[in-house]
Amino acid sequence: MSPQHPDPTESDVFVTLPGGADDRAEGSGDESSAGAREIADAVEVLANLWSLAAQEAAVRLSLHQLRALRTLEAARELNLTGLAERLDIGLPTASRLCDRLEAAGLLERSLHPRNRREVQLRLTGQGRRVLGDVARRRTQALTGVLAHMAPAERAALVRGMRAFLAAQGGAPPPPTGTP
């Protein structure tokens, strides 16, 4: 833009609409775009709820540390390279992350029994307890929100989430006749 007309700020271009959605993604104005904006707002609230529940656990974990522990929980055998790939982070970053988790007593490293050059990563009992604590706190927080919804709204939310996961490729569609 010219000196007489400086670049507009974000507040000059985007208008916040009632209900928290804004017109940034406005394109064709179809229902999918409007629905996506509303879902994005709800996901942001859920992410904050999730993060707060994790921060209130006995051991405070960053989201990266929590993701690493959850990844290790899901994997039987995982080495540093595998963890870095699954978390989409570099090896040095994964190594420092594991250093902190090991120092906190949440994971342990051991030599692979068949390949002495490979180090395996495993959750400790304390790591499993911390993940259980975080899961319980998250469930309690979510239950508190769901309690304010009507049963039909909760059932619709569950159906919608199942459909979303199926469309994204994360889960098969639910059996017919289930909420």
Foldseek 3Di string as FASTA:
>chain_A
DDPVDDDDDPCVPKDQDPPRFICPVPDVPDPVSVVVRNVVVVVVVLVVLLQVLQCPFPDRDDPLLLVLLVVQVVDPWDFLVRSCVVSVHDSVVSVVSVVVCVVVVQKDWDADPVHRVTITIHGDPVNVVSNVSSVVSSVVSVVVVCVPDDPVVVQVVVQVVLVVCCVVVNDPRDDPPGD
